[in-house]
PDB file of N, CA and C in Angstrom:
ATOM      1  N   MET A   1      65.144  80.924  94.194  1.00  0.00           N
ATOM      2  CA  MET A   1      66.277  81.375  93.405  1.00  0.00           C
ATOM      3  C   MET A   1      67.322  81.998  94.340  1.00  0.00           C
ATOM      4  N   ALA A   2      68.542  81.526  94.252  1.00  0.00           N
ATOM      5  CA  ALA A   2      69.624  82.032  95.095  1.00  0.00           C
ATOM      6  C   ALA A   2      70.220  83.294  94.481  1.00  0.00           C
ATOM      7  N   THR A   3      70.621  84.195  95.355  1.00  0.00           N
ATOM      8  CA  THR A   3      71.297  85.404  94.887  1.00  0.00           C
ATOM      9  C   THR A   3      72.744  85.372  95.365  1.00  0.00           C
ATOM     10  N   VAL A   4      73.597  86.025  94.633  1.00  0.00           N
ATOM     11  CA  VAL A   4      75.009  86.100  94.974  1.00  0.00           C
ATOM     12  C   VAL A   4      75.289  87.488  95.527  1.00  0.00           C
ATOM     13  N   ALA A   5      75.948  87.538  96.680  1.00  0.00           N
ATOM     14  CA  ALA A   5      76.302  88.826  97.277  1.00  0.00           C
ATOM     15  C   ALA A   5      77.282  89.554  96.374  1.00  0.00           C
ATOM     16  N   GLU A   6      77.039  90.823  96.155  1.00  0.00           N
ATOM     17  CA  GLU A   6      77.941  91.615  95.323  1.00  0.00           C
ATOM     18  C   GLU A   6      79.161  92.063  96.111  1.00  0.00           C
ATOM     19  N   LYS A   7      78.992  92.277  97.420  1.00  0.00           N
ATOM     20  CA  LYS A   7      80.097  92.668  98.301  1.00  0.00           C
ATOM     21  C   LYS A   7      80.155  91.674  99.446  1.00  0.00           C
ATOM     22  N   PHE A   8      81.371  91.360  99.866  1.00  0.00           N
ATOM     23  CA  PHE A   8      81.527  90.489 101.023  1.00  0.00           C
ATOM     24  C   PHE A   8      82.867  90.756 101.679  1.00  0.00           C
ATOM     25  N   LEU A   9      82.937  90.457 102.974  1.00  0.00           N
ATOM     26  CA  LEU A   9      84.150  90.670 103.762  1.00  0.00           C
ATOM     27  C   LEU A   9      84.874  89.349 103.947  1.00  0.00           C
ATOM     28  N   VAL A  10      86.200  89.421 103.932  1.00  0.00           N
ATOM     29  CA  VAL A  10      87.050  88.266 104.184  1.00  0.00           C
ATOM     30  C   VAL A  10      88.087  88.699 105.214  1.00  0.00           C
ATOM     31  N   ILE A  11      88.260  87.900 106.256  1.00  0.00           N
ATOM     32  CA  ILE A  11      89.311  88.161 107.229  1.00  0.00           C
ATOM     33  C   ILE A  11      90.423  87.163 106.959  1.00  0.00           C
ATOM     34  N   HIS A  12      91.597  87.700 106.605  1.00  0.00           N
ATOM     35  CA  HIS A  12      92.754  86.878 106.254  1.00  0.00           C
ATOM     36  C   HIS A  12      93.945  87.385 107.041  1.00  0.00           C
ATOM     37  N   LYS A  13      94.553  86.502 107.828  1.00  0.00           N
ATOM     38  CA  LYS A  13      95.703  86.868 108.662  1.00  0.00           C
ATOM     39  C   LYS A  13      95.371  88.053 109.572  1.00  0.00           C
ATOM     40  N   GLY A  14      94.137  88.079 110.081  1.00  0.00           N
ATOM     41  CA  GLY A  14      93.726  89.120 111.013  1.00  0.00           C
ATOM     42  C   GLY A  14      93.342  90.447 110.392  1.00  0.00           C
ATOM     43  N   VAL A  15      93.363  90.534 109.062  1.00  0.00           N
ATOM     44  CA  VAL A  15      93.035  91.782 108.367  1.00  0.00           C
ATOM     45  C   VAL A  15      91.715  91.598 107.613  1.00  0.00           C
ATOM     46  N   THR A  16      90.832  92.598 107.719  1.00  0.00           N
ATOM     47  CA  THR A  16      89.554  92.551 107.011  1.00  0.00           C
ATOM     48  C   THR A  16      89.715  93.150 105.621  1.00  0.00           C
ATOM     49  N   PHE A  17      89.295  92.384 104.621  1.00  0.00           N
ATOM     50  CA  PHE A  17      89.308  92.819 103.220  1.00  0.00           C
ATOM     51  C   PHE A  17      87.868  92.853 102.729  1.00  0.00           C
ATOM     52  N   GLU A  18      87.531  93.883 101.942  1.00  0.00           N
ATOM     53  CA  GLU A  18      86.194  93.992 101.367  1.00  0.00           C
ATOM     54  C   GLU A  18      86.276  93.708  99.872  1.00  0.00           C
ATOM     55  N   PHE A  19      85.627  92.648  99.451  1.00  0.00           N
ATOM     56  CA  PHE A  19      85.609  92.249  98.045  1.00  0.00           C
ATOM     57  C   PHE A  19      84.304  92.666  97.405  1.00  0.00           C
ATOM     58  N   GLU A  20      84.388  93.039  96.141  1.00  0.00           N
ATOM     59  CA  GLU A  20      83.205  93.380  95.359  1.00  0.00           C
ATOM     60  C   GLU A  20      83.377  92.787  93.968  1.00  0.00           C
ATOM     61  N   ARG A  21      82.342  92.124  93.499  1.00  0.00           N
ATOM     62  CA  ARG A  21      82.398  91.579  92.141  1.00  0.00           C
ATOM     63  C   ARG A  21      82.392  92.734  91.144  1.00  0.00           C
ATOM     64  N   ALA A  22      83.311  92.690  90.196  1.00  0.00           N
ATOM     65  CA  ALA A  22      83.384  93.728  89.166  1.00  0.00           C
ATOM     66  C   ALA A  22      82.411  93.380  88.041  1.00  0.00           C
ATOM     67  N   GLU A  23      81.785  94.388  87.467  1.00  0.00           N
ATOM     68  CA  GLU A  23      80.826  94.168  86.375  1.00  0.00           C
ATOM     69  C   GLU A  23      81.455  93.422  85.207  1.00  0.00           C
ATOM     70  N   GLU A  24      82.707  93.729  84.914  1.00  0.00           N
ATOM     71  CA  GLU A  24      83.389  93.120  83.771  1.00  0.00           C
ATOM     72  C   GLU A  24      84.015  91.767  84.114  1.00  0.00           C
ATOM     73  N   GLY A  25      83.806  91.317  85.355  1.00  0.00           N
ATOM     74  CA  GLY A  25      84.372  90.054  85.820  1.00  0.00           C
ATOM     75  C   GLY A  25      85.497  90.311  86.797  1.00  0.00           C
ATOM     76  N   GLY A  26      85.791  89.332  87.616  1.00  0.00           N
ATOM     77  CA  GLY A  26      86.844  89.478  88.606  1.00  0.00           C
ATOM     78  C   GLY A  26      86.347  90.213  89.831  1.00  0.00           C
ATOM     79  N   TYR A  27      87.291  90.715  90.608  1.00  0.00           N
ATOM     80  CA  TYR A  27      86.977  91.339  91.892  1.00  0.00           C
ATOM     81  C   TYR A  27      87.786  92.617  92.082  1.00  0.00           C
ATOM     82  N   VAL A  28      87.156  93.571  92.756  1.00  0.00           N
ATOM     83  CA  VAL A  28      87.834  94.753  93.275  1.00  0.00           C
ATOM     84  C   VAL A  28      87.868  94.545  94.781  1.00  0.00           C
ATOM     85  N   VAL A  29      89.003  94.816  95.396  1.00  0.00           N
ATOM     86  CA  VAL A  29      89.142  94.570  96.829  1.00  0.00           C
ATOM     87  C   VAL A  29      89.813  95.755  97.508  1.00  0.00           C
ATOM     88  N   SER A  30      89.362  96.056  98.724  1.00  0.00           N
ATOM     89  CA  SER A  30      89.930  97.165  99.490  1.00  0.00           C
ATOM     90  C   SER A  30      90.151  96.722 100.934  1.00  0.00           C
ATOM     91  N   VAL A  31      90.870  97.580 101.663  1.00  0.00           N
ATOM     92  CA  VAL A  31      91.139  97.338 103.079  1.00  0.00           C
ATOM     93  C   VAL A  31      90.517  98.503 103.845  1.00  0.00           C
ATOM     94  N   PRO A  32      89.385  98.279 104.512  1.00  0.00           N
ATOM     95  CA  PRO A  32      88.736  99.380 105.228  1.00  0.00           C
ATOM     96  C   PRO A  32      89.644 100.077 106.245  1.00  0.00           C
ATOM     97  N   ALA A  33      90.580  99.351 106.841  1.00  0.00           N
ATOM     98  CA  ALA A  33      91.481  99.942 107.841  1.00  0.00           C
ATOM     99  C   ALA A  33      92.621 100.735 107.212  1.00  0.00           C
ATOM    100  N   ALA A  34      92.726 100.704 105.872  1.00  0.00           N
ATOM    101  CA  ALA A  34      93.788 101.427 105.160  1.00  0.00           C
ATOM    102  C   ALA A  34      93.138 102.251 104.046  1.00  0.00           C
ATOM    103  N   PRO A  35      92.648 103.444 104.379  1.00  0.00           N
ATOM    104  CA  PRO A  35      91.935 104.266 103.397  1.00  0.00           C
ATOM    105  C   PRO A  35      92.728 104.469 102.105  1.00  0.00           C
ATOM    106  N   GLY A  36      92.063 104.203 100.983  1.00  0.00           N
ATOM    107  CA  GLY A  36      92.692 104.380  99.676  1.00  0.00           C
ATOM    108  C   GLY A  36      93.466 103.166  99.195  1.00  0.00           C
ATOM    109  N   CYS A  37      93.538 102.124  99.999  1.00  0.00           N
ATOM    110  CA  CYS A  37      94.262 100.913  99.598  1.00  0.00           C
ATOM    111  C   CYS A  37      93.290  99.963  98.925  1.00  0.00           C
ATOM    112  N   TRP A  38      93.465  99.773  97.637  1.00  0.00           N
ATOM    113  CA  TRP A  38      92.597  98.862  96.895  1.00  0.00           C
ATOM    114  C   TRP A  38      93.378  98.234  95.752  1.00  0.00           C
ATOM    115  N   SER A  39      92.854  97.156  95.227  1.00  0.00           N
ATOM    116  CA  SER A  39      93.446  96.475  94.075  1.00  0.00           C
ATOM    117  C   SER A  39      92.354  95.669  93.403  1.00  0.00           C
ATOM    118  N   GLN A  40      92.740  94.858  92.441  1.00  0.00           N
ATOM    119  CA  GLN A  40      91.762  94.032  91.727  1.00  0.00           C
ATOM    120  C   GLN A  40      92.444  92.792  91.183  1.00  0.00           C
ATOM    121  N   GLY A  41      91.641  91.831  90.787  1.00  0.00           N
ATOM    122  CA  GLY A  41      92.167  90.613  90.196  1.00  0.00           C
ATOM    123  C   GLY A  41      91.088  89.900  89.417  1.00  0.00           C
ATOM    124  N   ASP A  42      91.497  89.065  88.486  1.00  0.00           N
ATOM    125  CA  ASP A  42      90.547  88.321  87.660  1.00  0.00           C
ATOM    126  C   ASP A  42      89.857  87.206  88.442  1.00  0.00           C
ATOM    127  N   THR A  43      90.520  86.705  89.488  1.00  0.00           N
ATOM    128  CA  THR A  43      89.944  85.663  90.338  1.00  0.00           C
ATOM    129  C   THR A  43      90.036  86.129  91.790  1.00  0.00           C
ATOM    130  N   PHE A  44      89.315  85.431  92.657  1.00  0.00           N
ATOM    131  CA  PHE A  44      89.380  85.747  94.081  1.00  0.00           C
ATOM    132  C   PHE A  44      90.812  85.623  94.574  1.00  0.00           C
ATOM    133  N   GLU A  45      91.476  84.534  94.213  1.00  0.00           N
ATOM    134  CA  GLU A  45      92.842  84.277  94.671  1.00  0.00           C
ATOM    135  C   GLU A  45      93.809  85.362  94.196  1.00  0.00           C
ATOM    136  N   GLU A  46      93.678  85.760  92.925  1.00  0.00           N
ATOM    137  CA  GLU A  46      94.549  86.810  92.390  1.00  0.00           C
ATOM    138  C   GLU A  46      94.276  88.141  93.094  1.00  0.00           C
ATOM    139  N   ALA A  47      93.013  88.454  93.325  1.00  0.00           N
ATOM    140  CA  ALA A  47      92.665  89.712  94.001  1.00  0.00           C
ATOM    141  C   ALA A  47      93.234  89.729  95.419  1.00  0.00           C
ATOM    142  N   LEU A  48      93.156  88.599  96.119  1.00  0.00           N
ATOM    143  CA  LEU A  48      93.702  88.527  97.473  1.00  0.00           C
ATOM    144  C   LEU A  48      95.214  88.707  97.461  1.00  0.00           C
ATOM    145  N   GLU A  49      95.873  88.105  96.507  1.00  0.00           N
ATOM    146  CA  GLU A  49      97.329  88.258  96.387  1.00  0.00           C
ATOM    147  C   GLU A  49      97.700  89.707  96.069  1.00  0.00           C
ATOM    148  N   MET A  50      96.974  90.310  95.152  1.00  0.00           N
ATOM    149  CA  MET A  50      97.265  91.684  94.736  1.00  0.00           C
ATOM    150  C   MET A  50      97.030  92.685  95.875  1.00  0.00           C
ATOM    151  N   ILE A  51      95.953  92.503  96.657  1.00  0.00           N
ATOM    152  CA  ILE A  51      95.679  93.453  97.724  1.00  0.00           C
ATOM    153  C   ILE A  51      96.703  93.328  98.843  1.00  0.00           C
ATOM    154  N   GLN A  52      97.220  92.141  99.075  1.00  0.00           N
ATOM    155  CA  GLN A  52      98.256  91.997 100.095  1.00  0.00           C
ATOM    156  C   GLN A  52      99.514  92.758  99.688  1.00  0.00           C
ATOM    157  N   ASP A  53      99.842  92.721  98.406  1.00  0.00           N
ATOM    158  CA  ASP A  53     100.985  93.485  97.905  1.00  0.00           C
ATOM    159  C   ASP A  53     100.716  94.982  98.015  1.00  0.00           C
ATOM    160  N   ALA A  54      99.510  95.401  97.633  1.00  0.00           N
ATOM    161  CA  ALA A  54      99.143  96.824  97.726  1.00  0.00           C
ATOM    162  C   ALA A  54      99.176  97.294  99.176  1.00  0.00           C
ATOM    163  N   LEU A  55      98.737  96.440 100.096  1.00  0.00           N
ATOM    164  CA  LEU A  55      98.729  96.805 101.505  1.00  0.00           C
ATOM    165  C   LEU A  55     100.151  96.995 102.034  1.00  0.00           C
ATOM    166  N   GLN A  56     101.082  96.192 101.611  1.00  0.00           N
ATOM    167  CA  GLN A  56     102.479  96.381 102.031  1.00  0.00           C
ATOM    168  C   GLN A  56     103.001  97.736 101.557  1.00  0.00           C
ATOM    169  N   GLY A  57     102.666  98.111 100.329  1.00  0.00           N
ATOM    170  CA  GLY A  57     103.054  99.432  99.825  1.00  0.00           C
ATOM    171  C   GLY A  57     102.390 100.550 100.609  1.00  0.00           C
ATOM    172  N   TRP A  58     101.110 100.387 100.906  1.00  0.00           N
ATOM    173  CA  TRP A  58     100.379 101.393 101.674  1.00  0.00           C
ATOM    174  C   TRP A  58     101.020 101.570 103.049  1.00  0.00           C
ATOM    175  N   LEU A  59     101.354 100.454 103.702  1.00  0.00           N
ATOM    176  CA  LEU A  59     101.966 100.512 105.028  1.00  0.00           C
ATOM    177  C   LEU A  59     103.330 101.200 104.991  1.00  0.00           C
ATOM    178  N   ALA A  60     104.118 100.918 103.957  1.00  0.00           N
ATOM    179  CA  ALA A  60     105.442 101.544 103.836  1.00  0.00           C
ATOM    180  C   ALA A  60     105.308 103.063 103.723  1.00  0.00           C
ATOM    181  N   VAL A  61     104.371 103.518 102.907  1.00  0.00           N
ATOM    182  CA  VAL A  61     104.160 104.959 102.731  1.00  0.00           C
ATOM    183  C   VAL A  61     103.608 105.576 104.017  1.00  0.00           C
ATOM    184  N   ALA A  62     102.654 104.908 104.639  1.00  0.00           N
ATOM    185  CA  ALA A  62     102.067 105.429 105.879  1.00  0.00           C
ATOM    186  C   ALA A  62     103.132 105.570 106.958  1.00  0.00           C
ATOM    187  N   ARG A  63     103.999 104.599 107.055  1.00  0.00           N
ATOM    188  CA  ARG A  63     105.061 104.646 108.065  1.00  0.00           C
ATOM    189  C   ARG A  63     106.026 105.801 107.787  1.00  0.00           C
ATOM    190  N   LYS A  64     106.442 105.967 106.524  1.00  0.00           N
ATOM    191  CA  LYS A  64     107.364 107.048 106.162  1.00  0.00           C
ATOM    192  C   LYS A  64     106.756 108.415 106.436  1.00  0.00           C
ATOM    193  N   ARG A  65     105.450 108.540 106.208  1.00  0.00           N
ATOM    194  CA  ARG A  65     104.784 109.830 106.399  1.00  0.00           C
ATOM    195  C   ARG A  65     104.291 110.048 107.819  1.00  0.00           C
ATOM    196  N   GLY A  66     104.474 109.054 108.661  1.00  0.00           N
ATOM    197  CA  GLY A  66     104.036 109.179 110.046  1.00  0.00           C
ATOM    198  C   GLY A  66     102.529 109.153 110.206  1.00  0.00           C
ATOM    199  N   LEU A  67     101.840 108.502 109.280  1.00  0.00           N
ATOM    200  CA  LEU A  67     100.382 108.425 109.348  1.00  0.00           C
ATOM    201  C   LEU A  67      99.949 107.402 110.394  1.00  0.00           C
ATOM    202  N   LEU A  68      98.760 107.597 110.919  1.00  0.00           N
ATOM    203  CA  LEU A  68      98.192 106.675 111.886  1.00  0.00           C
ATOM    204  C   LEU A  68      97.888 105.344 111.207  1.00  0.00           C
ATOM    205  N   ILE A  69      98.372 104.267 111.776  1.00  0.00           N
ATOM    206  CA  ILE A  69      98.116 102.923 111.258  1.00  0.00           C
ATOM    207  C   ILE A  69      97.257 102.212 112.287  1.00  0.00           C
ATOM    208  N   SER A  70      96.121 101.682 111.854  1.00  0.00           N
ATOM    209  CA  SER A  70      95.171 101.059 112.784  1.00  0.00           C
ATOM    210  C   SER A  70      95.798  99.880 113.524  1.00  0.00           C
ATOM    211  N   ASP A  71      95.246  99.597 114.680  1.00  0.00           N
ATOM    212  CA  ASP A  71      95.722  98.469 115.481  1.00  0.00           C
ATOM    213  C   ASP A  71      95.676  97.172 114.681  1.00  0.00           C
ATOM    214  N   GLN A  72      94.654  97.005 113.858  1.00  0.00           N
ATOM    215  CA  GLN A  72      94.491  95.795 113.052  1.00  0.00           C
ATOM    216  C   GLN A  72      95.697  95.550 112.149  1.00  0.00           C
ATOM    217  N   LEU A  73      96.356  96.621 111.716  1.00  0.00           N
ATOM    218  CA  LEU A  73      97.460  96.512 110.763  1.00  0.00           C
ATOM    219  C   LEU A  73      98.837  96.616 111.405  1.00  0.00           C
ATOM    220  N   GLN A  74      98.923  96.948 112.677  1.00  0.00           N
ATOM    221  CA  GLN A  74     100.216  97.174 113.332  1.00  0.00           C
ATOM    222  C   GLN A  74     101.171  95.996 113.177  1.00  0.00           C
ATOM    223  N   GLY A  75     100.672  94.775 113.280  1.00  0.00           N
ATOM    224  CA  GLY A  75     101.525  93.602 113.187  1.00  0.00           C
ATOM    225  C   GLY A  75     102.097  93.362 111.807  1.00  0.00           C
ATOM    226  N   LEU A  76     101.594  94.076 110.803  1.00  0.00           N
ATOM    227  CA  LEU A  76     102.070  93.913 109.434  1.00  0.00           C
ATOM    228  C   LEU A  76     103.140  94.921 109.050  1.00  0.00           C
ATOM    229  N   VAL A  77     103.352  95.922 109.905  1.00  0.00           N
ATOM    230  CA  VAL A  77     104.311  96.990 109.593  1.00  0.00           C
ATOM    231  C   VAL A  77     105.729  96.434 109.707  1.00  0.00           C
ATOM    232  N   PRO A  78     106.511  96.535 108.617  1.00  0.00           N
ATOM    233  CA  PRO A  78     107.903  96.057 108.681  1.00  0.00           C
ATOM    234  C   PRO A  78     108.665  96.750 109.800  1.00  0.00           C
ATOM    235  N   GLY A  79     109.411  95.978 110.581  1.00  0.00           N
ATOM    236  CA  GLY A  79     110.207  96.541 111.663  1.00  0.00           C
ATOM    237  C   GLY A  79     109.426  96.779 112.938  1.00  0.00           C
ATOM    238  N   ASN A  80     108.146  96.478 112.944  1.00  0.00           N
ATOM    239  CA  ASN A  80     107.326  96.661 114.124  1.00  0.00           C
ATOM    240  C   ASN A  80     107.504  95.452 115.029  1.00  0.00           C
ATOM    241  N   PRO A  81     107.834  95.644 116.289  1.00  0.00           N
ATOM    242  CA  PRO A  81     108.050  94.521 117.196  1.00  0.00           C
ATOM    243  C   PRO A  81     106.800  93.658 117.412  1.00  0.00           C
ATOM    244  N   GLU A  82     105.608  94.184 117.089  1.00  0.00           N
ATOM    245  CA  GLU A  82     104.380  93.417 117.244  1.00  0.00           C
ATOM    246  C   GLU A  82     104.208  92.409 116.133  1.00  0.00           C
ATOM    247  N   LYS A  83     105.060  92.445 115.125  1.00  0.00           N
ATOM    248  CA  LYS A  83     104.924  91.581 113.954  1.00  0.00           C
ATOM    249  C   LYS A  83     105.105  90.137 114.325  1.00  0.00           C
TER     250      LYS A  83
END
């Protein structure tokens, strides 16, 4: 009998995302390199789209507040020459 992983990691565009199947269906997803950045979606594709949007918001706030942004995320920061 095969089992389905409840949590799994996906690396997309160089960023690690942690997905978890929600009890009510769909997925909850977070970015380990961006504490507090999470979102959800009814499908994997929707969750991935939603977390990318949430991550852009997280990065904008982190930049304005002068918070440390991990090397993994530096290339995603608007106006960053590493982009």
